[in-house]
Amino acid sequence: FVDLRQAISHANLPPLFLNTSSDDFIEAESLQLAMLLSRAGKPFELHDWKVGKGECLGHVFPICLTYLPQSERTLDLIRDYAFACL
């Protein structure tokens, strides 16, 4: 078991882009990571997509479901965040 608080506080992390959805099987872990990054004052951006009834945004949807508008928007957000961090 790894204590993420220790790892985050001792690691020289680059700015992180976190993306998840209410349909993602690791949404809770992504939100926990965001909380720990925030408390440690580390640079990050979080996007947590809410899934409507009958919709599906599972894990890694921007890569596996590239035809979805949410995927296109996420890839744009990643690009914009990366350029902003230069």
PDB file of N, CA and C in Angstrom:
ATOM      1  N   PHE A   1       0.840  -1.181   0.000  1.00  0.00           N
ATOM      2  CA  PHE A   1       0.000   0.000   0.000  1.00  0.00           C
ATOM      3  C   PHE A   1       0.883   1.241   0.000  1.00  0.00           C
ATOM      4  N   VAL A   2       0.484   2.206  -0.775  1.00  0.00           N
ATOM      5  CA  VAL A   2       1.235   3.442  -0.884  1.00  0.00           C
ATOM      6  C   VAL A   2       0.443   4.558  -0.212  1.00  0.00           C
ATOM      7  N   ASP A   3       1.128   5.355   0.576  1.00  0.00           N
ATOM      8  CA  ASP A   3       0.503   6.520   1.183  1.00  0.00           C
ATOM      9  C   ASP A   3       0.636   7.663   0.182  1.00  0.00           C
ATOM     10  N   LEU A   4      -0.443   7.979  -0.503  1.00  0.00           N
ATOM     11  CA  LEU A   4      -0.394   9.009  -1.542  1.00  0.00           C
ATOM     12  C   LEU A   4       0.002  10.372  -0.999  1.00  0.00           C
ATOM     13  N   ARG A   5      -0.381  10.671   0.218  1.00  0.00           N
ATOM     14  CA  ARG A   5       0.011  11.967   0.797  1.00  0.00           C
ATOM     15  C   ARG A   5       1.520  12.092   0.849  1.00  0.00           C
ATOM     16  N   GLN A   6       2.192  11.038   1.268  1.00  0.00           N
ATOM     17  CA  GLN A   6       3.659  11.039   1.333  1.00  0.00           C
ATOM     18  C   GLN A   6       4.252  11.150  -0.069  1.00  0.00           C
ATOM     19  N   ALA A   7       3.735  10.364  -0.992  1.00  0.00           N
ATOM     20  CA  ALA A   7       4.262  10.378  -2.354  1.00  0.00           C
ATOM     21  C   ALA A   7       4.102  11.750  -2.990  1.00  0.00           C
ATOM     22  N   ILE A   8       2.938  12.358  -2.814  1.00  0.00           N
ATOM     23  CA  ILE A   8       2.673  13.673  -3.405  1.00  0.00           C
ATOM     24  C   ILE A   8       3.555  14.740  -2.770  1.00  0.00           C
ATOM     25  N   SER A   9       3.726  14.676  -1.477  1.00  0.00           N
ATOM     26  CA  SER A   9       4.506  15.711  -0.805  1.00  0.00           C
ATOM     27  C   SER A   9       5.992  15.613  -1.131  1.00  0.00           C
ATOM     28  N   HIS A  10       6.498  14.428  -1.466  1.00  0.00           N
ATOM     29  CA  HIS A  10       7.916  14.247  -1.745  1.00  0.00           C
ATOM     30  C   HIS A  10       8.255  14.224  -3.237  1.00  0.00           C
ATOM     31  N   ALA A  11       7.265  14.079  -4.078  1.00  0.00           N
ATOM     32  CA  ALA A  11       7.530  13.981  -5.517  1.00  0.00           C
ATOM     33  C   ALA A  11       7.549  15.359  -6.161  1.00  0.00           C
ATOM     34  N   ASN A  12       8.402  15.493  -7.142  1.00  0.00           N
ATOM     35  CA  ASN A  12       8.447  16.715  -7.942  1.00  0.00           C
ATOM     36  C   ASN A  12       7.523  16.494  -9.144  1.00  0.00           C
ATOM     37  N   LEU A  13       6.231  16.687  -8.920  1.00  0.00           N
ATOM     38  CA  LEU A  13       5.237  16.378  -9.941  1.00  0.00           C
ATOM     39  C   LEU A  13       5.102  17.507 -10.955  1.00  0.00           C
ATOM     40  N   PRO A  14       4.899  17.149 -12.217  1.00  0.00           N
ATOM     41  CA  PRO A  14       4.540  18.175 -13.198  1.00  0.00           C
ATOM     42  C   PRO A  14       3.072  18.547 -13.000  1.00  0.00           C
ATOM     43  N   PRO A  15       2.589  19.607 -13.618  1.00  0.00           N
ATOM     44  CA  PRO A  15       1.150  19.892 -13.566  1.00  0.00           C
ATOM     45  C   PRO A  15       0.369  18.697 -14.120  1.00  0.00           C
ATOM     46  N   LEU A  16      -0.691  18.320 -13.435  1.00  0.00           N
ATOM     47  CA  LEU A  16      -1.465  17.137 -13.821  1.00  0.00           C
ATOM     48  C   LEU A  16      -2.853  17.521 -14.311  1.00  0.00           C
ATOM     49  N   PHE A  17      -3.317  16.840 -15.342  1.00  0.00           N
ATOM     50  CA  PHE A  17      -4.673  16.985 -15.854  1.00  0.00           C
ATOM     51  C   PHE A  17      -5.411  15.706 -15.483  1.00  0.00           C
ATOM     52  N   LEU A  18      -6.416  15.821 -14.634  1.00  0.00           N
ATOM     53  CA  LEU A  18      -7.203  14.671 -14.197  1.00  0.00           C
ATOM     54  C   LEU A  18      -8.566  14.706 -14.876  1.00  0.00           C
ATOM     55  N   ASN A  19      -8.938  13.590 -15.465  1.00  0.00           N
ATOM     56  CA  ASN A  19     -10.216  13.496 -16.160  1.00  0.00           C
ATOM     57  C   ASN A  19     -10.917  12.220 -15.708  1.00  0.00           C
ATOM     58  N   THR A  20     -12.180  12.354 -15.341  1.00  0.00           N
ATOM     59  CA  THR A  20     -12.958  11.202 -14.908  1.00  0.00           C
ATOM     60  C   THR A  20     -14.423  11.469 -15.233  1.00  0.00           C
ATOM     61  N   SER A  21     -15.264  10.528 -14.893  1.00  0.00           N
ATOM     62  CA  SER A  21     -16.705  10.716 -15.082  1.00  0.00           C
ATOM     63  C   SER A  21     -17.446   9.908 -14.025  1.00  0.00           C
ATOM     64  N   SER A  22     -18.713  10.208 -13.879  1.00  0.00           N
ATOM     65  CA  SER A  22     -19.529   9.470 -12.913  1.00  0.00           C
ATOM     66  C   SER A  22     -19.723   8.020 -13.346  1.00  0.00           C
ATOM     67  N   ASP A  23     -19.298   7.681 -14.560  1.00  0.00           N
ATOM     68  CA  ASP A  23     -19.385   6.326 -15.097  1.00  0.00           C
ATOM     69  C   ASP A  23     -18.027   5.604 -15.039  1.00  0.00           C
ATOM     70  N   ASP A  24     -17.009   6.280 -14.543  1.00  0.00           N
ATOM     71  CA  ASP A  24     -15.648   5.745 -14.483  1.00  0.00           C
ATOM     72  C   ASP A  24     -15.494   4.898 -13.219  1.00  0.00           C
ATOM     73  N   PHE A  25     -14.953   3.703 -13.366  1.00  0.00           N
ATOM     74  CA  PHE A  25     -14.833   2.817 -12.212  1.00  0.00           C
ATOM     75  C   PHE A  25     -13.804   3.311 -11.191  1.00  0.00           C
ATOM     76  N   ILE A  26     -12.967   4.278 -11.562  1.00  0.00           N
ATOM     77  CA  ILE A  26     -12.025   4.842 -10.588  1.00  0.00           C
ATOM     78  C   ILE A  26     -12.293   6.334 -10.336  1.00  0.00           C
ATOM     79  N   GLU A  27     -13.536   6.748 -10.498  1.00  0.00           N
ATOM     80  CA  GLU A  27     -13.879   8.154 -10.243  1.00  0.00           C
ATOM     81  C   GLU A  27     -13.506   8.554  -8.813  1.00  0.00           C
ATOM     82  N   ALA A  28     -13.848   7.753  -7.845  1.00  0.00           N
ATOM     83  CA  ALA A  28     -13.572   8.096  -6.441  1.00  0.00           C
ATOM     84  C   ALA A  28     -12.078   8.272  -6.199  1.00  0.00           C
ATOM     85  N   GLU A  29     -11.264   7.425  -6.802  1.00  0.00           N
ATOM     86  CA  GLU A  29      -9.818   7.534  -6.634  1.00  0.00           C
ATOM     87  C   GLU A  29      -9.280   8.793  -7.301  1.00  0.00           C
ATOM     88  N   SER A  30      -9.839   9.165  -8.448  1.00  0.00           N
ATOM     89  CA  SER A  30      -9.421  10.391  -9.123  1.00  0.00           C
ATOM     90  C   SER A  30      -9.771  11.617  -8.293  1.00  0.00           C
ATOM     91  N   LEU A  31     -10.952  11.608  -7.697  1.00  0.00           N
ATOM     92  CA  LEU A  31     -11.363  12.724  -6.844  1.00  0.00           C
ATOM     93  C   LEU A  31     -10.514  12.790  -5.576  1.00  0.00           C
ATOM     94  N   GLN A  32     -10.166  11.649  -5.029  1.00  0.00           N
ATOM     95  CA  GLN A  32      -9.284  11.600  -3.858  1.00  0.00           C
ATOM     96  C   GLN A  32      -7.911  12.168  -4.211  1.00  0.00           C
ATOM     97  N   LEU A  33      -7.384  11.797  -5.366  1.00  0.00           N
ATOM     98  CA  LEU A  33      -6.095  12.326  -5.812  1.00  0.00           C
ATOM     99  C   LEU A  33      -6.163  13.835  -5.966  1.00  0.00           C
ATOM    100  N   ALA A  34      -7.236  14.341  -6.541  1.00  0.00           N
ATOM    101  CA  ALA A  34      -7.399  15.791  -6.700  1.00  0.00           C
ATOM    102  C   ALA A  34      -7.411  16.485  -5.338  1.00  0.00           C
ATOM    103  N   MET A  35      -8.079  15.903  -4.373  1.00  0.00           N
ATOM    104  CA  MET A  35      -8.130  16.495  -3.042  1.00  0.00           C
ATOM    105  C   MET A  35      -6.731  16.556  -2.429  1.00  0.00           C
ATOM    106  N   LEU A  36      -5.975  15.468  -2.556  1.00  0.00           N
ATOM    107  CA  LEU A  36      -4.634  15.434  -1.993  1.00  0.00           C
ATOM    108  C   LEU A  36      -3.704  16.414  -2.704  1.00  0.00           C
ATOM    109  N   LEU A  37      -3.821  16.514  -4.019  1.00  0.00           N
ATOM    110  CA  LEU A  37      -3.017  17.483  -4.771  1.00  0.00           C
ATOM    111  C   LEU A  37      -3.347  18.904  -4.339  1.00  0.00           C
ATOM    112  N   SER A  38      -4.623  19.180  -4.149  1.00  0.00           N
ATOM    113  CA  SER A  38      -5.058  20.504  -3.728  1.00  0.00           C
ATOM    114  C   SER A  38      -4.498  20.848  -2.355  1.00  0.00           C
ATOM    115  N   ARG A  39      -4.614  19.934  -1.426  1.00  0.00           N
ATOM    116  CA  ARG A  39      -4.105  20.163  -0.068  1.00  0.00           C
ATOM    117  C   ARG A  39      -2.598  20.376  -0.053  1.00  0.00           C
ATOM    118  N   ALA A  40      -1.886  19.731  -0.995  1.00  0.00           N
ATOM    119  CA  ALA A  40      -0.430  19.855  -1.061  1.00  0.00           C
ATOM    120  C   ALA A  40      -0.003  21.070  -1.878  1.00  0.00           C
ATOM    121  N   GLY A  41      -0.971  21.775  -2.469  1.00  0.00           N
ATOM    122  CA  GLY A  41      -0.645  22.946  -3.273  1.00  0.00           C
ATOM    123  C   GLY A  41       0.009  22.616  -4.603  1.00  0.00           C
ATOM    124  N   LYS A  42      -0.236  21.429  -5.120  1.00  0.00           N
ATOM    125  CA  LYS A  42       0.342  21.003  -6.403  1.00  0.00           C
ATOM    126  C   LYS A  42      -0.550  21.474  -7.547  1.00  0.00           C
ATOM    127  N   PRO A  43       0.050  21.815  -8.683  1.00  0.00           N
ATOM    128  CA  PRO A  43      -0.749  22.279  -9.819  1.00  0.00           C
ATOM    129  C   PRO A  43      -1.474  21.122 -10.524  1.00  0.00           C
ATOM    130  N   PHE A  44      -2.781  21.301 -10.714  1.00  0.00           N
ATOM    131  CA  PHE A  44      -3.565  20.286 -11.421  1.00  0.00           C
ATOM    132  C   PHE A  44      -4.861  20.926 -11.903  1.00  0.00           C
ATOM    133  N   GLU A  45      -5.489  20.227 -12.817  1.00  0.00           N
ATOM    134  CA  GLU A  45      -6.832  20.608 -13.272  1.00  0.00           C
ATOM    135  C   GLU A  45      -7.662  19.336 -13.278  1.00  0.00           C
ATOM    136  N   LEU A  46      -8.889  19.439 -12.772  1.00  0.00           N
ATOM    137  CA  LEU A  46      -9.778  18.279 -12.673  1.00  0.00           C
ATOM    138  C   LEU A  46     -11.035  18.506 -13.499  1.00  0.00           C
ATOM    139  N   HIS A  47     -11.415  17.485 -14.257  1.00  0.00           N
ATOM    140  CA  HIS A  47     -12.692  17.481 -14.973  1.00  0.00           C
ATOM    141  C   HIS A  47     -13.410  16.182 -14.619  1.00  0.00           C
ATOM    142  N   ASP A  48     -14.603  16.334 -14.063  1.00  0.00           N
ATOM    143  CA  ASP A  48     -15.418  15.191 -13.645  1.00  0.00           C
ATOM    144  C   ASP A  48     -16.747  15.288 -14.377  1.00  0.00           C
ATOM    145  N   TRP A  49     -16.857  14.555 -15.461  1.00  0.00           N
ATOM    146  CA  TRP A  49     -18.052  14.592 -16.297  1.00  0.00           C
ATOM    147  C   TRP A  49     -19.189  13.840 -15.634  1.00  0.00           C
ATOM    148  N   LYS A  50     -20.364  14.438 -15.635  1.00  0.00           N
ATOM    149  CA  LYS A  50     -21.555  13.773 -15.118  1.00  0.00           C
ATOM    150  C   LYS A  50     -22.280  13.098 -16.281  1.00  0.00           C
ATOM    151  N   VAL A  51     -22.627  11.848 -16.090  1.00  0.00           N
ATOM    152  CA  VAL A  51     -23.248  11.045 -17.139  1.00  0.00           C
ATOM    153  C   VAL A  51     -24.756  11.052 -16.953  1.00  0.00           C
ATOM    154  N   GLY A  52     -25.462  11.375 -18.027  1.00  0.00           N
ATOM    155  CA  GLY A  52     -26.915  11.354 -17.995  1.00  0.00           C
ATOM    156  C   GLY A  52     -27.464   9.950 -18.184  1.00  0.00           C
ATOM    157  N   LYS A  53     -28.737   9.823 -17.976  1.00  0.00           N
ATOM    158  CA  LYS A  53     -29.399   8.539 -18.130  1.00  0.00           C
ATOM    159  C   LYS A  53     -29.234   8.046 -19.571  1.00  0.00           C
ATOM    160  N   GLY A  54     -28.796   6.816 -19.713  1.00  0.00           N
ATOM    161  CA  GLY A  54     -28.608   6.217 -21.030  1.00  0.00           C
ATOM    162  C   GLY A  54     -27.284   6.555 -21.691  1.00  0.00           C
ATOM    163  N   GLU A  55     -26.464   7.382 -21.031  1.00  0.00           N
ATOM    164  CA  GLU A  55     -25.153   7.735 -21.585  1.00  0.00           C
ATOM    165  C   GLU A  55     -24.073   6.840 -20.973  1.00  0.00           C
ATOM    166  N   CYS A  56     -22.930   6.790 -21.648  1.00  0.00           N
ATOM    167  CA  CYS A  56     -21.810   5.997 -21.154  1.00  0.00           C
ATOM    168  C   CYS A  56     -20.520   6.768 -21.380  1.00  0.00           C
ATOM    169  N   LEU A  57     -19.823   7.061 -20.295  1.00  0.00           N
ATOM    170  CA  LEU A  57     -18.490   7.666 -20.347  1.00  0.00           C
ATOM    171  C   LEU A  57     -17.594   6.886 -19.400  1.00  0.00           C
ATOM    172  N   GLY A  58     -17.220   5.715 -19.789  1.00  0.00           N
ATOM    173  CA  GLY A  58     -16.397   4.885 -18.924  1.00  0.00           C
ATOM    174  C   GLY A  58     -14.960   5.371 -18.854  1.00  0.00           C
ATOM    175  N   HIS A  59     -14.117   4.562 -18.268  1.00  0.00           N
ATOM    176  CA  HIS A  59     -12.707   4.866 -18.102  1.00  0.00           C
ATOM    177  C   HIS A  59     -12.052   5.079 -19.475  1.00  0.00           C
ATOM    178  N   VAL A  60     -11.213   6.039 -19.588  1.00  0.00           N
ATOM    179  CA  VAL A  60     -10.478   6.442 -20.801  1.00  0.00           C
ATOM    180  C   VAL A  60     -11.385   6.727 -22.012  1.00  0.00           C
ATOM    181  N   PHE A  61     -12.549   7.289 -21.774  1.00  0.00           N
ATOM    182  CA  PHE A  61     -13.476   7.556 -22.874  1.00  0.00           C
ATOM    183  C   PHE A  61     -12.898   8.471 -23.954  1.00  0.00           C
ATOM    184  N   PRO A  62     -12.042   9.447 -23.627  1.00  0.00           N
ATOM    185  CA  PRO A  62     -11.529  10.303 -24.708  1.00  0.00           C
ATOM    186  C   PRO A  62     -10.672   9.534 -25.717  1.00  0.00           C
ATOM    187  N   ILE A  63     -10.131   8.404 -25.307  1.00  0.00           N
ATOM    188  CA  ILE A  63      -9.291   7.597 -26.200  1.00  0.00           C
ATOM    189  C   ILE A  63     -10.101   6.502 -26.876  1.00  0.00           C
ATOM    190  N   CYS A  64     -10.976   5.858 -26.114  1.00  0.00           N
ATOM    191  CA  CYS A  64     -11.738   4.722 -26.646  1.00  0.00           C
ATOM    192  C   CYS A  64     -13.027   5.127 -27.357  1.00  0.00           C
ATOM    193  N   LEU A  65     -13.570   6.294 -27.017  1.00  0.00           N
ATOM    194  CA  LEU A  65     -14.825   6.757 -27.611  1.00  0.00           C
ATOM    195  C   LEU A  65     -14.611   8.145 -28.215  1.00  0.00           C
ATOM    196  N   THR A  66     -13.662   8.235 -29.144  1.00  0.00           N
ATOM    197  CA  THR A  66     -13.237   9.531 -29.676  1.00  0.00           C
ATOM    198  C   THR A  66     -14.331  10.275 -30.434  1.00  0.00           C
ATOM    199  N   TYR A  67     -15.365   9.597 -30.840  1.00  0.00           N
ATOM    200  CA  TYR A  67     -16.441  10.217 -31.612  1.00  0.00           C
ATOM    201  C   TYR A  67     -17.412  11.020 -30.740  1.00  0.00           C
ATOM    202  N   LEU A  68     -17.327  10.875 -29.430  1.00  0.00           N
ATOM    203  CA  LEU A  68     -18.236  11.597 -28.541  1.00  0.00           C
ATOM    204  C   LEU A  68     -17.837  13.062 -28.399  1.00  0.00           C
ATOM    205  N   PRO A  69     -18.806  13.963 -28.305  1.00  0.00           N
ATOM    206  CA  PRO A  69     -18.483  15.377 -28.096  1.00  0.00           C
ATOM    207  C   PRO A  69     -17.678  15.601 -26.813  1.00  0.00           C
ATOM    208  N   GLN A  70     -17.970  14.829 -25.761  1.00  0.00           N
ATOM    209  CA  GLN A  70     -17.228  14.969 -24.505  1.00  0.00           C
ATOM    210  C   GLN A  70     -15.758  14.587 -24.692  1.00  0.00           C
ATOM    211  N   SER A  71     -15.505  13.604 -25.555  1.00  0.00           N
ATOM    212  CA  SER A  71     -14.126  13.195 -25.835  1.00  0.00           C
ATOM    213  C   SER A  71     -13.390  14.299 -26.573  1.00  0.00           C
ATOM    214  N   GLU A  72     -14.028  14.858 -27.582  1.00  0.00           N
ATOM    215  CA  GLU A  72     -13.411  15.955 -28.324  1.00  0.00           C
ATOM    216  C   GLU A  72     -13.128  17.134 -27.398  1.00  0.00           C
ATOM    217  N   ARG A  73     -14.063  17.460 -26.539  1.00  0.00           N
ATOM    218  CA  ARG A  73     -13.886  18.574 -25.605  1.00  0.00           C
ATOM    219  C   ARG A  73     -12.748  18.288 -24.619  1.00  0.00           C
ATOM    220  N   THR A  74     -12.679  17.044 -24.127  1.00  0.00           N
ATOM    221  CA  THR A  74     -11.615  16.672 -23.199  1.00  0.00           C
ATOM    222  C   THR A  74     -10.251  16.793 -23.855  1.00  0.00           C
ATOM    223  N   LEU A  75     -10.118  16.320 -25.080  1.00  0.00           N
ATOM    224  CA  LEU A  75      -8.836  16.424 -25.777  1.00  0.00           C
ATOM    225  C   LEU A  75      -8.450  17.881 -26.005  1.00  0.00           C
ATOM    226  N   ASP A  76      -9.421  18.737 -26.301  1.00  0.00           N
ATOM    227  CA  ASP A  76      -9.149  20.176 -26.416  1.00  0.00           C
ATOM    228  C   ASP A  76      -8.691  20.749 -25.075  1.00  0.00           C
ATOM    229  N   LEU A  77      -9.336  20.339 -23.993  1.00  0.00           N
ATOM    230  CA  LEU A  77      -8.968  20.823 -22.666  1.00  0.00           C
ATOM    231  C   LEU A  77      -7.560  20.377 -22.272  1.00  0.00           C
ATOM    232  N   ILE A  78      -7.206  19.146 -22.616  1.00  0.00           N
ATOM    233  CA  ILE A  78      -5.859  18.648 -22.331  1.00  0.00           C
ATOM    234  C   ILE A  78      -4.826  19.477 -23.091  1.00  0.00           C
ATOM    235  N   ARG A  79      -5.089  19.707 -24.371  1.00  0.00           N
ATOM    236  CA  ARG A  79      -4.172  20.518 -25.189  1.00  0.00           C
ATOM    237  C   ARG A  79      -4.020  21.920 -24.594  1.00  0.00           C
ATOM    238  N   ASP A  80      -5.131  22.546 -24.265  1.00  0.00           N
ATOM    239  CA  ASP A  80      -5.089  23.910 -23.726  1.00  0.00           C
ATOM    240  C   ASP A  80      -4.335  23.944 -22.396  1.00  0.00           C
ATOM    241  N   TYR A  81      -4.555  22.955 -21.545  1.00  0.00           N
ATOM    242  CA  TYR A  81      -3.879  22.906 -20.255  1.00  0.00           C
ATOM    243  C   TYR A  81      -2.365  22.719 -20.452  1.00  0.00           C
ATOM    244  N   ALA A  82      -2.005  21.820 -21.353  1.00  0.00           N
ATOM    245  CA  ALA A  82      -0.578  21.578 -21.603  1.00  0.00           C
ATOM    246  C   ALA A  82       0.110  22.848 -22.102  1.00  0.00           C
ATOM    247  N   PHE A  83      -0.500  23.550 -23.025  1.00  0.00           N
ATOM    248  CA  PHE A  83       0.098  24.792 -23.533  1.00  0.00           C
ATOM    249  C   PHE A  83       0.146  25.874 -22.467  1.00  0.00           C
ATOM    250  N   ALA A  84      -0.857  25.926 -21.595  1.00  0.00           N
ATOM    251  CA  ALA A  84      -0.863  26.917 -20.526  1.00  0.00           C
ATOM    252  C   ALA A  84       0.229  26.665 -19.501  1.00  0.00           C
ATOM    253  N   CYS A  85       0.663  25.423 -19.398  1.00  0.00           N
ATOM    254  CA  CYS A  85       1.686  25.074 -18.418  1.00  0.00           C
ATOM    255  C   CYS A  85       3.116  25.248 -18.934  1.00  0.00           C
ATOM    256  N   LEU A  86       3.245  25.610 -20.189  1.00  0.00           N
ATOM    257  CA  LEU A  86       4.607  25.800 -20.755  1.00  0.00           C
ATOM    258  C   LEU A  86       5.289  27.013 -20.192  1.00  0.00           C
TER     259      LEU A  86
END
